[in-house]
């Protein structure tokens, strides 16, 4: 495995671990959702404290890799991803964006490729 591939995989792993502490769940909010794009940044260990995208980006800036899980067909999630990436790029212009587009049923092929 090349050094670049290893670093990319490590980056993706660390991103997923970092974001496991964050979630946007409109159905768990106390307030009524007024539109398709409305979301709320929270830290799962303190879900009653609202976070803004700037505080989340500053927290995540300490990590080498960030995973952002999504519903592929929900443009509101894509908007949140874009907003986070914009703030993180302001904090670190050297940031790299990597996107995977594999379906779950093809995971074994990805695993086989990564295993050589």
Protein backbone atom coordinates (compact mmCIF):
# COMPACT_ATOMS: atom_id res chain seq x y z
CA UNK A 1 0.00 0.00 0.00
CA UNK A 2 1.45 3.38 -0.95
CA UNK A 3 2.18 6.05 1.63
CA UNK A 4 -0.49 8.32 0.10
CA UNK A 5 -3.13 5.55 0.18
CA UNK A 6 -2.30 4.74 3.79
CA UNK A 7 -2.49 8.42 4.80
CA UNK A 8 -5.83 8.79 3.01
CA UNK A 9 -7.27 5.74 4.75
CA UNK A 10 -5.99 6.97 8.09
CA UNK A 11 -7.51 10.39 7.42
CA UNK A 12 -10.88 8.84 6.56
CA UNK A 13 -10.83 6.66 9.68
CA UNK A 14 -10.04 9.57 11.98
CA UNK A 15 -12.77 11.71 10.40
CA UNK A 16 -15.37 9.03 11.05
CA UNK A 17 -14.27 8.63 14.66
CA UNK A 18 -14.32 12.39 15.24
CA UNK A 19 -17.78 12.85 13.79
CA UNK A 20 -19.25 10.00 15.78
CA UNK A 21 -19.60 12.57 18.56
CA UNK A 22 -21.73 14.83 16.35
CA UNK A 23 -25.09 14.28 14.79
CA UNK A 24 -27.91 16.26 13.23
CA UNK A 25 -31.24 14.74 14.13
CA UNK A 26 -34.23 17.01 13.39
CA UNK A 27 -36.67 14.47 14.80
CA UNK A 28 -35.04 14.77 18.25
CA UNK A 29 -35.24 18.54 18.46
CA UNK A 30 -37.65 20.29 20.77
CA UNK A 31 -38.51 22.93 18.20
CA UNK A 32 -40.57 22.48 15.08
CA UNK A 33 -38.63 22.10 11.85
CA UNK A 34 -39.65 24.88 9.50
CA UNK A 35 -37.92 23.79 6.29
CA UNK A 36 -36.09 20.98 4.55
CA UNK A 37 -32.64 22.52 5.12
CA UNK A 38 -32.94 23.28 8.82
CA UNK A 39 -30.57 21.31 11.03
CA UNK A 40 -28.95 21.53 14.41
CA UNK A 41 -25.33 20.80 15.31
CA UNK A 42 -25.05 18.98 18.62
CA UNK A 43 -22.48 17.09 20.64
CA UNK A 44 -24.08 13.82 21.66
CA UNK A 45 -22.59 13.99 25.15
CA UNK A 46 -24.36 17.35 25.65
CA UNK A 47 -27.37 17.32 23.28
CA UNK A 48 -29.14 20.24 24.99
CA UNK A 49 -26.38 22.69 24.07
CA UNK A 50 -26.68 24.09 20.56
CA UNK A 51 -23.44 24.30 18.61
CA UNK A 52 -22.85 26.39 15.53
CA UNK A 53 -20.87 25.35 12.49
CA UNK A 54 -17.94 27.55 13.59
CA UNK A 55 -17.56 25.83 16.96
CA UNK A 56 -17.87 22.41 15.33
CA UNK A 57 -15.24 23.31 12.69
CA UNK A 58 -12.83 24.59 15.36
CA UNK A 59 -13.26 21.37 17.31
CA UNK A 60 -12.77 19.19 14.23
CA UNK A 61 -9.72 21.20 13.10
CA UNK A 62 -7.68 19.26 15.67
CA UNK A 63 -8.22 15.99 13.78
CA UNK A 64 -6.36 14.68 10.76
CA UNK A 65 -9.40 12.85 9.34
CA UNK A 66 -13.12 13.61 9.56
CA UNK A 67 -15.92 11.40 8.26
CA UNK A 68 -19.30 12.98 7.56
CA UNK A 69 -22.03 10.37 7.23
CA UNK A 70 -25.04 11.25 5.16
CA UNK A 71 -28.23 10.32 3.44
CA UNK A 72 -27.07 10.49 -0.18
CA UNK A 73 -30.35 11.90 -1.47
CA UNK A 74 -30.92 14.62 1.15
CA UNK A 75 -29.77 17.99 -0.14
CA UNK A 76 -30.15 19.50 3.34
CA UNK A 77 -27.32 17.23 4.52
CA UNK A 78 -25.24 18.26 1.51
CA UNK A 79 -25.76 21.90 2.49
CA UNK A 80 -24.54 21.20 6.03
CA UNK A 81 -21.48 19.41 4.61
CA UNK A 82 -20.70 22.37 2.37
CA UNK A 83 -21.08 24.85 5.22
CA UNK A 84 -18.74 22.82 7.42
CA UNK A 85 -16.17 22.44 4.64
CA UNK A 86 -16.24 26.19 3.92
CA UNK A 87 -15.52 27.07 7.56
CA UNK A 88 -12.85 24.38 7.88
CA UNK A 89 -11.18 25.63 4.66
CA UNK A 90 -11.03 29.12 6.16
CA UNK A 91 -9.31 27.65 9.23
CA UNK A 92 -6.94 25.54 7.12
CA UNK A 93 -6.61 26.37 3.40
CA UNK A 94 -4.56 23.18 2.94
CA UNK A 95 -7.58 20.96 3.77
CA UNK A 96 -8.27 18.07 1.41
CA UNK A 97 -11.73 16.76 0.55
CA UNK A 98 -12.12 13.10 -0.33
CA UNK A 99 -15.46 11.54 -1.17
CA UNK A 100 -16.40 7.88 -1.35
CA UNK A 101 -19.28 6.82 -3.46
CA UNK A 102 -19.51 3.07 -2.86
CA UNK A 103 -22.74 1.28 -1.99
CA UNK A 104 -22.78 -1.12 0.95
CA UNK A 105 -23.21 -4.16 -1.28
CA UNK A 106 -19.85 -3.42 -2.95
CA UNK A 107 -17.89 -3.09 0.30
CA UNK A 108 -16.28 -6.52 -0.11
CA UNK A 109 -14.72 -5.35 -3.40
CA UNK A 110 -13.31 -2.27 -1.69
CA UNK A 111 -11.95 -4.46 1.13
CA UNK A 112 -10.35 -6.84 -1.38
CA UNK A 113 -8.73 -3.91 -3.20
CA UNK A 114 -7.35 -2.45 0.02
CA UNK A 115 -5.99 -5.86 1.01
CA UNK A 116 -3.97 -5.95 -2.23
